[in-house]
Each structure stands twice: as structure tokens, then as C-alpha cells.
């Protein structure tokens, strides 16, 4: 437990120091160096969306490796997939590429999780 506290403190303190040193956190939409048509806020959105999009991937990979539904509940993935469809629609309304891209991928990951759950559940019933 002591190691966990030291590790948490070692991560938390530098993060707080960096955040407290920021004078202005408002994004400035200057053109990106990679592509002048992409704004920096879109690049930040693409990077930020990566983590939340692939949050369900470890459960999916574990289920596929086990070939079993043990410990899995498809409701969470189904609910997340449905609401991410709304996020895709919202991204289309505000014309935000990061919102659209990451949520389309997340919808696919979550619905593959639900499909794999039902596939393995039907195989387990047949045994």
C-alpha cells in the first residue's frame, strides 16, 4: 500500500505543478504543422479521444482469448455503444472530426464486445 501511495504522489505532484503553471488553458486554433487544414484543437481532440475510445478494448481482448463470457456483462458495452452513436451525431452537427472519428471506432469496439459476448454465451449454452 505504501508503494501505491508513493507512486500516486510521484504522478500527482508533477501533474499539478504543470497544470498550475499554465497561464491560459484556452485552445488556440492555429493551423497544425502537420496539415494546415487541421487545427491544433483537433489534434488535441484526436489524442484525448484515443484513451476513452479504447477503454473497452482490454475486456474484449480478454474475452476473445478466454473464449468465454466469464466475468463479462454486455449491458455496459451496449449502453456505451448507443450513447456513442449520439456522440457521432453530435460530432456531425458541430463538424468535429475528433468527436466523429473516435466515437465511430468506439461504437464498433463496443458492439463487437456485445456480439462476442452473445456468440460465446450461445456456445457455452450448447455445452
C-alpha atoms as a PDB file:
ATOM      1  CA  UNK A   1       0.000   0.000   0.000  1.00  0.00           C
ATOM      2  CA  UNK A   2       2.886   2.318   0.806  1.00  0.00           C
ATOM      3  CA  UNK A   3       4.323   1.778  -2.682  1.00  0.00           C
ATOM      4  CA  UNK A   4       0.957   2.707  -4.221  1.00  0.00           C
ATOM      5  CA  UNK A   5       0.852   5.955  -2.230  1.00  0.00           C
ATOM      6  CA  UNK A   6       4.372   6.908  -3.288  1.00  0.00           C
ATOM      7  CA  UNK A   7       3.625   6.108  -6.934  1.00  0.00           C
ATOM      8  CA  UNK A   8       0.401   8.094  -6.844  1.00  0.00           C
ATOM      9  CA  UNK A   9       2.177  11.034  -5.252  1.00  0.00           C
ATOM     10  CA  UNK A  10       5.006  10.811  -7.802  1.00  0.00           C
ATOM     11  CA  UNK A  11       2.454  11.092 -10.610  1.00  0.00           C
ATOM     12  CA  UNK A  12       0.045  13.538  -8.997  1.00  0.00           C
ATOM     13  CA  UNK A  13       2.516  16.230  -7.881  1.00  0.00           C
ATOM     14  CA  UNK A  14       4.219  16.808 -11.269  1.00  0.00           C
ATOM     15  CA  UNK A  15       0.815  16.881 -12.970  1.00  0.00           C
ATOM     16  CA  UNK A  16      -0.424  19.514 -10.534  1.00  0.00           C
ATOM     17  CA  UNK A  17       2.756  21.560 -10.980  1.00  0.00           C
ATOM     18  CA  UNK A  18       2.339  21.526 -14.762  1.00  0.00           C
ATOM     19  CA  UNK A  19      -1.335  22.468 -14.563  1.00  0.00           C
ATOM     20  CA  UNK A  20      -0.764  25.256 -12.045  1.00  0.00           C
ATOM     21  CA  UNK A  21       1.900  26.770 -14.287  1.00  0.00           C
ATOM     22  CA  UNK A  22      -0.451  27.119 -17.241  1.00  0.00           C
ATOM     23  CA  UNK A  23      -1.452  30.746 -17.630  1.00  0.00           C
ATOM     24  CA  UNK A  24      -4.063  30.215 -20.258  1.00  0.00           C
ATOM     25  CA  UNK A  25      -5.693  26.874 -20.953  1.00  0.00           C
ATOM     26  CA  UNK A  26      -7.926  28.058 -23.774  1.00  0.00           C
ATOM     27  CA  UNK A  27      -7.079  26.319 -27.017  1.00  0.00           C
ATOM     28  CA  UNK A  28      -5.894  28.480 -29.812  1.00  0.00           C
ATOM     29  CA  UNK A  29      -6.932  27.181 -33.194  1.00  0.00           C
ATOM     30  CA  UNK A  30      -3.786  27.858 -35.112  1.00  0.00           C
ATOM     31  CA  UNK A  31      -3.047  25.602 -38.055  1.00  0.00           C
ATOM     32  CA  UNK A  32      -1.198  22.421 -37.252  1.00  0.00           C
ATOM     33  CA  UNK A  33       2.307  21.891 -38.532  1.00  0.00           C
ATOM     34  CA  UNK A  34       1.255  18.526 -39.968  1.00  0.00           C
ATOM     35  CA  UNK A  35      -1.617  19.763 -42.118  1.00  0.00           C
ATOM     36  CA  UNK A  36      -2.698  23.406 -42.390  1.00  0.00           C
ATOM     37  CA  UNK A  37      -6.343  22.315 -42.690  1.00  0.00           C
ATOM     38  CA  UNK A  38      -6.278  20.610 -39.270  1.00  0.00           C
ATOM     39  CA  UNK A  39      -6.469  22.849 -36.213  1.00  0.00           C
ATOM     40  CA  UNK A  40      -4.394  22.183 -33.097  1.00  0.00           C
ATOM     41  CA  UNK A  41      -7.555  21.696 -31.050  1.00  0.00           C
ATOM     42  CA  UNK A  42      -8.485  18.847 -33.411  1.00  0.00           C
ATOM     43  CA  UNK A  43      -5.088  17.232 -32.867  1.00  0.00           C
ATOM     44  CA  UNK A  44      -5.606  17.519 -29.101  1.00  0.00           C
ATOM     45  CA  UNK A  45      -9.096  16.053 -29.501  1.00  0.00           C
ATOM     46  CA  UNK A  46      -7.740  13.129 -31.504  1.00  0.00           C
ATOM     47  CA  UNK A  47      -5.125  12.380 -28.845  1.00  0.00           C
ATOM     48  CA  UNK A  48      -7.618  12.748 -25.980  1.00  0.00           C
ATOM     49  CA  UNK A  49     -10.204  10.574 -27.697  1.00  0.00           C
ATOM     50  CA  UNK A  50      -7.733   7.725 -28.065  1.00  0.00           C
ATOM     51  CA  UNK A  51      -7.849   6.779 -24.383  1.00  0.00           C
ATOM     52  CA  UNK A  52     -11.594   6.838 -23.936  1.00  0.00           C
ATOM     53  CA  UNK A  53     -12.236   5.065 -27.213  1.00  0.00           C
ATOM     54  CA  UNK A  54     -10.102   2.054 -26.414  1.00  0.00           C
ATOM     55  CA  UNK A  55     -11.137   1.738 -22.750  1.00  0.00           C
ATOM     56  CA  UNK A  56     -13.355  -1.255 -23.593  1.00  0.00           C
ATOM     57  CA  UNK A  57     -10.692  -2.998 -25.675  1.00  0.00           C
ATOM     58  CA  UNK A  58      -8.932  -4.866 -22.806  1.00  0.00           C
ATOM     59  CA  UNK A  59     -12.211  -6.584 -21.833  1.00  0.00           C
ATOM     60  CA  UNK A  60     -12.861  -7.547 -25.444  1.00  0.00           C
ATOM     61  CA  UNK A  61      -9.353  -8.952 -25.878  1.00  0.00           C
ATOM     62  CA  UNK A  62      -9.618 -10.886 -22.604  1.00  0.00           C
ATOM     63  CA  UNK A  63     -12.965 -12.363 -23.656  1.00  0.00           C
ATOM     64  CA  UNK A  64     -11.602 -13.376 -27.063  1.00  0.00           C
ATOM     65  CA  UNK A  65      -8.530 -15.021 -25.503  1.00  0.00           C
ATOM     66  CA  UNK A  66     -10.601 -16.889 -22.905  1.00  0.00           C
ATOM     67  CA  UNK A  67     -13.309 -17.760 -25.411  1.00  0.00           C
ATOM     68  CA  UNK A  68     -15.693 -17.350 -22.529  1.00  0.00           C
ATOM     69  CA  UNK A  69     -18.146 -14.785 -21.157  1.00  0.00           C
ATOM     70  CA  UNK A  70     -16.908 -15.298 -17.586  1.00  0.00           C
ATOM     71  CA  UNK A  71     -16.930 -12.005 -15.744  1.00  0.00           C
ATOM     72  CA  UNK A  72     -18.396 -10.067 -18.673  1.00  0.00           C
ATOM     73  CA  UNK A  73     -21.624  -8.080 -18.781  1.00  0.00           C
ATOM     74  CA  UNK A  74     -22.791  -6.920 -22.208  1.00  0.00           C
ATOM     75  CA  UNK A  75     -25.099  -4.183 -20.862  1.00  0.00           C
ATOM     76  CA  UNK A  76     -22.339  -1.648 -20.256  1.00  0.00           C
ATOM     77  CA  UNK A  77     -20.887  -2.061 -23.738  1.00  0.00           C
ATOM     78  CA  UNK A  78     -24.361  -1.875 -25.311  1.00  0.00           C
ATOM     79  CA  UNK A  79     -25.280   1.275 -23.386  1.00  0.00           C
ATOM     80  CA  UNK A  80     -21.951   2.920 -24.226  1.00  0.00           C
ATOM     81  CA  UNK A  81     -22.367   1.990 -27.898  1.00  0.00           C
ATOM     82  CA  UNK A  82     -25.840   3.510 -28.041  1.00  0.00           C
ATOM     83  CA  UNK A  83     -24.767   6.775 -26.464  1.00  0.00           C
ATOM     84  CA  UNK A  84     -21.664   6.944 -28.638  1.00  0.00           C
ATOM     85  CA  UNK A  85     -23.978   6.879 -31.650  1.00  0.00           C
ATOM     86  CA  UNK A  86     -25.452  10.102 -30.230  1.00  0.00           C
ATOM     87  CA  UNK A  87     -21.920  11.485 -29.892  1.00  0.00           C
ATOM     88  CA  UNK A  88     -21.298  10.707 -33.568  1.00  0.00           C
ATOM     89  CA  UNK A  89     -24.466  12.611 -34.462  1.00  0.00           C
ATOM     90  CA  UNK A  90     -23.358  15.490 -32.229  1.00  0.00           C
ATOM     91  CA  UNK A  91     -19.935  15.464 -33.899  1.00  0.00           C
ATOM     92  CA  UNK A  92     -21.627  15.740 -37.278  1.00  0.00           C
ATOM     93  CA  UNK A  93     -23.735  18.673 -36.046  1.00  0.00           C
ATOM     94  CA  UNK A  94     -20.718  20.607 -34.792  1.00  0.00           C
ATOM     95  CA  UNK A  95     -18.426  19.325 -37.586  1.00  0.00           C
ATOM     96  CA  UNK A  96     -15.812  17.993 -35.175  1.00  0.00           C
ATOM     97  CA  UNK A  97     -13.583  15.380 -36.754  1.00  0.00           C
ATOM     98  CA  UNK A  98     -12.145  14.051 -33.462  1.00  0.00           C
ATOM     99  CA  UNK A  99     -15.612  13.505 -31.969  1.00  0.00           C
ATOM    100  CA  UNK A 100     -16.791  11.715 -35.097  1.00  0.00           C
ATOM    101  CA  UNK A 101     -13.698   9.549 -35.652  1.00  0.00           C
ATOM    102  CA  UNK A 102     -13.213   8.301 -32.106  1.00  0.00           C
ATOM    103  CA  UNK A 103     -16.869   7.656 -31.423  1.00  0.00           C
ATOM    104  CA  UNK A 104     -17.347   5.679 -34.642  1.00  0.00           C
ATOM    105  CA  UNK A 105     -14.408   3.487 -33.595  1.00  0.00           C
ATOM    106  CA  UNK A 106     -15.793   3.210 -30.043  1.00  0.00           C
ATOM    107  CA  UNK A 107     -19.220   2.174 -31.353  1.00  0.00           C
ATOM    108  CA  UNK A 108     -17.561  -0.605 -33.336  1.00  0.00           C
ATOM    109  CA  UNK A 109     -15.473  -1.797 -30.368  1.00  0.00           C
ATOM    110  CA  UNK A 110     -18.474  -1.833 -28.024  1.00  0.00           C
ATOM    111  CA  UNK A 111     -20.770  -3.607 -30.437  1.00  0.00           C
ATOM    112  CA  UNK A 112     -18.090  -6.191 -31.259  1.00  0.00           C
ATOM    113  CA  UNK A 113     -17.862  -6.772 -27.489  1.00  0.00           C
ATOM    114  CA  UNK A 114     -21.625  -7.317 -27.287  1.00  0.00           C
ATOM    115  CA  UNK A 115     -21.576  -9.583 -30.346  1.00  0.00           C
ATOM    116  CA  UNK A 116     -18.670 -11.625 -28.968  1.00  0.00           C
ATOM    117  CA  UNK A 117     -20.472 -11.934 -25.635  1.00  0.00           C
ATOM    118  CA  UNK A 118     -23.597 -13.365 -27.247  1.00  0.00           C
ATOM    119  CA  UNK A 119     -21.529 -15.610 -29.527  1.00  0.00           C
ATOM    120  CA  UNK A 120     -19.634 -17.124 -26.601  1.00  0.00           C
ATOM    121  CA  UNK A 121     -22.791 -17.275 -24.455  1.00  0.00           C
ATOM    122  CA  UNK A 122     -24.552 -19.351 -27.122  1.00  0.00           C
ATOM    123  CA  UNK A 123     -21.536 -21.696 -27.364  1.00  0.00           C
ATOM    124  CA  UNK A 124     -21.488 -22.069 -23.571  1.00  0.00           C
ATOM    125  CA  UNK A 125     -25.206 -22.978 -23.536  1.00  0.00           C
ATOM    126  CA  UNK A 126     -24.577 -25.659 -26.156  1.00  0.00           C
ATOM    127  CA  UNK A 127     -22.045 -27.433 -23.936  1.00  0.00           C
END
